[in-house]
Amino acid sequence: MSDSDTPSTPRAGSLADFRAFREKMNAEILGEDNLVINRFFNLDGRAYESGALDVKTKELLGLVASMVLRCDDCVTYHVVRCQEEGVTREEAFEAFGVGLVVGGSIVIPHLRRAVARWTELEQETAG
């Protein structure tokens, strides 16, 4: 069975599936009370707090970095956060363009999934 066929580690699916899996696994991971892991999770959260750059800008940076690194879960997370921070579709597409230029054509499949997630979120908030 390939990784993509394993029901407990979904590669694609609804946003509800993504959110439920992320929440469940984060709780399990953090429940182990490992100092290094807990500190890293804390650092990750704090990196996106407002500072010289606002949260919206930091989420756009996270989105671009995630696209270049080709991390679909990360892309989904940052697409959700970007919409929560008020990023417009036009702003998102500018960020997608930067990710594509920096990452090259290998980013195109991740761009497709990012746009699909963006559209799914738009439909979720419209309905």
C-alpha atoms as a PDB file:
ATOM      1  CA  MET A   1       0.000   0.000   0.000  1.00  0.00           C
ATOM      2  CA  SER A   2       1.487   3.345  -0.984  1.00  0.00           C
ATOM      3  CA  ASP A   3       1.538   6.333   1.361  1.00  0.00           C
ATOM      4  CA  SER A   4      -1.231   7.961  -0.677  1.00  0.00           C
ATOM      5  CA  ASP A   5      -3.471   4.914  -0.139  1.00  0.00           C
ATOM      6  CA  THR A   6      -3.151   4.923   3.638  1.00  0.00           C
ATOM      7  CA  PRO A   7      -6.429   6.229   5.098  1.00  0.00           C
ATOM      8  CA  SER A   8      -4.746   7.689   8.185  1.00  0.00           C
ATOM      9  CA  THR A   9      -2.413   9.892   6.117  1.00  0.00           C
ATOM     10  CA  PRO A  10      -4.594  11.532   3.478  1.00  0.00           C
ATOM     11  CA  ARG A  11      -2.781  13.268   0.638  1.00  0.00           C
ATOM     12  CA  ALA A  12      -5.882  14.865  -0.790  1.00  0.00           C
ATOM     13  CA  GLY A  13      -9.414  15.237   0.368  1.00  0.00           C
ATOM     14  CA  SER A  14     -11.699  17.853   1.716  1.00  0.00           C
ATOM     15  CA  LEU A  15     -10.614  20.749   3.857  1.00  0.00           C
ATOM     16  CA  ALA A  16     -12.579  19.123   6.671  1.00  0.00           C
ATOM     17  CA  ASP A  17     -10.420  15.991   6.298  1.00  0.00           C
ATOM     18  CA  PHE A  18      -7.254  18.106   6.309  1.00  0.00           C
ATOM     19  CA  ARG A  19      -8.325  20.040   9.395  1.00  0.00           C
ATOM     20  CA  ALA A  20      -9.415  16.933  11.311  1.00  0.00           C
ATOM     21  CA  PHE A  21      -6.224  15.017  10.515  1.00  0.00           C
ATOM     22  CA  ARG A  22      -4.002  18.000  11.375  1.00  0.00           C
ATOM     23  CA  GLU A  23      -5.782  18.593  14.686  1.00  0.00           C
ATOM     24  CA  LYS A  24      -5.725  14.900  15.635  1.00  0.00           C
ATOM     25  CA  MET A  25      -2.072  14.407  14.803  1.00  0.00           C
ATOM     26  CA  ASN A  26      -0.918  17.674  16.384  1.00  0.00           C
ATOM     27  CA  ALA A  27      -2.670  16.639  19.608  1.00  0.00           C
ATOM     28  CA  GLU A  28      -0.998  13.235  19.510  1.00  0.00           C
ATOM     29  CA  ILE A  29       2.437  14.690  18.745  1.00  0.00           C
ATOM     30  CA  LEU A  30       2.240  17.438  21.366  1.00  0.00           C
ATOM     31  CA  GLY A  31       0.782  14.955  23.851  1.00  0.00           C
ATOM     32  CA  GLU A  32       4.138  13.185  23.934  1.00  0.00           C
ATOM     33  CA  ASP A  33       5.543  16.257  25.694  1.00  0.00           C
ATOM     34  CA  ASN A  34       8.870  16.135  23.833  1.00  0.00           C
ATOM     35  CA  LEU A  35      10.854  19.276  24.616  1.00  0.00           C
ATOM     36  CA  VAL A  36      12.394  19.733  21.155  1.00  0.00           C
ATOM     37  CA  ILE A  37       9.139  19.101  19.281  1.00  0.00           C
ATOM     38  CA  ASN A  38       7.137  21.358  21.602  1.00  0.00           C
ATOM     39  CA  ARG A  39       9.693  24.153  21.278  1.00  0.00           C
ATOM     40  CA  PHE A  40       9.722  23.849  17.497  1.00  0.00           C
ATOM     41  CA  PHE A  41       5.913  23.982  17.290  1.00  0.00           C
ATOM     42  CA  ASN A  42       5.991  27.051  19.562  1.00  0.00           C
ATOM     43  CA  LEU A  43       8.673  28.707  17.425  1.00  0.00           C
ATOM     44  CA  ASP A  44       6.698  27.973  14.263  1.00  0.00           C
ATOM     45  CA  GLY A  45       3.624  29.645  15.726  1.00  0.00           C
ATOM     46  CA  ARG A  46       5.539  32.662  17.013  1.00  0.00           C
ATOM     47  CA  ALA A  47       7.290  33.219  13.677  1.00  0.00           C
ATOM     48  CA  TYR A  48       3.935  34.186  12.160  1.00  0.00           C
ATOM     49  CA  GLU A  49       2.985  36.704  14.860  1.00  0.00           C
ATOM     50  CA  SER A  50       2.868  40.374  13.951  1.00  0.00           C
ATOM     51  CA  GLY A  51       6.176  42.210  14.162  1.00  0.00           C
ATOM     52  CA  ALA A  52       7.984  44.394  11.642  1.00  0.00           C
ATOM     53  CA  LEU A  53       5.951  42.383   9.114  1.00  0.00           C
ATOM     54  CA  ASP A  54       2.233  41.954   9.625  1.00  0.00           C
ATOM     55  CA  VAL A  55       0.612  38.518   9.892  1.00  0.00           C
ATOM     56  CA  LYS A  56      -0.876  38.730   6.386  1.00  0.00           C
ATOM     57  CA  THR A  57       2.556  39.314   4.833  1.00  0.00           C
ATOM     58  CA  LYS A  58       4.093  36.505   6.867  1.00  0.00           C
ATOM     59  CA  GLU A  59       1.372  34.089   5.759  1.00  0.00           C
ATOM     60  CA  LEU A  60       2.017  35.033   2.119  1.00  0.00           C
ATOM     61  CA  LEU A  61       5.723  34.339   2.707  1.00  0.00           C
ATOM     62  CA  GLY A  62       4.821  30.991   4.258  1.00  0.00           C
ATOM     63  CA  LEU A  63       2.642  30.185   1.257  1.00  0.00           C
ATOM     64  CA  VAL A  64       5.427  30.957  -1.225  1.00  0.00           C
ATOM     65  CA  ALA A  65       7.999  28.981   0.782  1.00  0.00           C
ATOM     66  CA  SER A  66       5.609  26.026   1.026  1.00  0.00           C
ATOM     67  CA  MET A  67       5.051  26.040  -2.726  1.00  0.00           C
ATOM     68  CA  VAL A  68       8.782  26.141  -3.437  1.00  0.00           C
ATOM     69  CA  LEU A  69       9.372  23.326  -0.930  1.00  0.00           C
ATOM     70  CA  ARG A  70       6.470  21.409  -2.548  1.00  0.00           C
ATOM     71  CA  CYS A  71       4.688  20.675   0.730  1.00  0.00           C
ATOM     72  CA  ASP A  72       0.987  20.257  -0.067  1.00  0.00           C
ATOM     73  CA  ASP A  73      -0.099  20.162   3.584  1.00  0.00           C
ATOM     74  CA  CYS A  74       1.875  23.354   4.193  1.00  0.00           C
ATOM     75  CA  VAL A  75       0.370  24.982   1.100  1.00  0.00           C
ATOM     76  CA  THR A  76      -3.131  24.069   2.275  1.00  0.00           C
ATOM     77  CA  TYR A  77      -2.425  25.412   5.764  1.00  0.00           C
ATOM     78  CA  HIS A  78      -1.110  28.725   4.428  1.00  0.00           C
ATOM     79  CA  VAL A  79      -3.909  29.073   1.868  1.00  0.00           C
ATOM     80  CA  VAL A  80      -6.380  28.758   4.752  1.00  0.00           C
ATOM     81  CA  ARG A  81      -4.416  31.211   6.900  1.00  0.00           C
ATOM     82  CA  CYS A  82      -4.065  33.676   4.008  1.00  0.00           C
ATOM     83  CA  GLN A  83      -7.816  33.712   3.518  1.00  0.00           C
ATOM     84  CA  GLU A  84      -8.328  34.125   7.263  1.00  0.00           C
ATOM     85  CA  GLU A  85      -5.971  37.127   7.149  1.00  0.00           C
ATOM     86  CA  GLY A  86      -7.914  38.752   4.323  1.00  0.00           C
ATOM     87  CA  VAL A  87      -5.617  37.981   1.396  1.00  0.00           C
ATOM     88  CA  THR A  88      -7.509  38.575  -1.837  1.00  0.00           C
ATOM     89  CA  ARG A  89      -7.547  36.175  -4.756  1.00  0.00           C
ATOM     90  CA  GLU A  90      -5.459  38.686  -6.733  1.00  0.00           C
ATOM     91  CA  GLU A  91      -2.860  38.886  -3.937  1.00  0.00           C
ATOM     92  CA  ALA A  92      -2.772  35.097  -3.673  1.00  0.00           C
ATOM     93  CA  PHE A  93      -2.159  34.762  -7.401  1.00  0.00           C
ATOM     94  CA  GLU A  94       0.742  37.226  -7.172  1.00  0.00           C
ATOM     95  CA  ALA A  95       2.212  35.057  -4.416  1.00  0.00           C
ATOM     96  CA  PHE A  96       1.570  31.926  -6.506  1.00  0.00           C
ATOM     97  CA  GLY A  97       3.475  33.609  -9.342  1.00  0.00           C
ATOM     98  CA  VAL A  98       6.463  34.326  -7.100  1.00  0.00           C
ATOM     99  CA  GLY A  99       6.458  30.710  -5.913  1.00  0.00           C
ATOM    100  CA  LEU A 100       6.358  29.479  -9.494  1.00  0.00           C
ATOM    101  CA  VAL A 101       9.220  31.739 -10.602  1.00  0.00           C
ATOM    102  CA  VAL A 102      11.386  30.807  -7.612  1.00  0.00           C
ATOM    103  CA  GLY A 103      10.540  27.091  -7.688  1.00  0.00           C
ATOM    104  CA  GLY A 104      10.286  26.517 -11.428  1.00  0.00           C
ATOM    105  CA  SER A 105       7.961  24.296 -13.403  1.00  0.00           C
ATOM    106  CA  ILE A 106       8.130  21.518 -10.797  1.00  0.00           C
ATOM    107  CA  VAL A 107       5.870  23.752  -8.663  1.00  0.00           C
ATOM    108  CA  ILE A 108       3.017  23.632 -11.226  1.00  0.00           C
ATOM    109  CA  PRO A 109       1.245  20.590  -9.670  1.00  0.00           C
ATOM    110  CA  HIS A 110       1.356  22.336  -6.287  1.00  0.00           C
ATOM    111  CA  LEU A 111       0.077  25.526  -7.891  1.00  0.00           C
ATOM    112  CA  ARG A 112      -2.897  23.568  -9.239  1.00  0.00           C
ATOM    113  CA  ARG A 113      -3.677  22.156  -5.799  1.00  0.00           C
ATOM    114  CA  ALA A 114      -3.212  25.570  -4.163  1.00  0.00           C
ATOM    115  CA  VAL A 115      -5.699  27.135  -6.576  1.00  0.00           C
ATOM    116  CA  ALA A 116      -8.120  24.246  -6.018  1.00  0.00           C
ATOM    117  CA  ARG A 117      -7.886  24.787  -2.238  1.00  0.00           C
ATOM    118  CA  TRP A 118      -8.326  28.542  -2.670  1.00  0.00           C
ATOM    119  CA  THR A 119     -11.451  27.980  -4.747  1.00  0.00           C
ATOM    120  CA  GLU A 120     -12.753  25.396  -2.257  1.00  0.00           C
ATOM    121  CA  LEU A 121     -12.342  27.930   0.557  1.00  0.00           C
ATOM    122  CA  GLU A 122     -14.109  30.625  -1.454  1.00  0.00           C
ATOM    123  CA  GLN A 123     -17.027  28.252  -1.998  1.00  0.00           C
ATOM    124  CA  GLU A 124     -17.009  27.283   1.693  1.00  0.00           C
ATOM    125  CA  THR A 125     -17.243  30.908   2.808  1.00  0.00           C
ATOM    126  CA  ALA A 126     -19.830  31.791   0.144  1.00  0.00           C
ATOM    127  CA  GLY A 127     -22.140  28.935   1.085  1.00  0.00           C
END
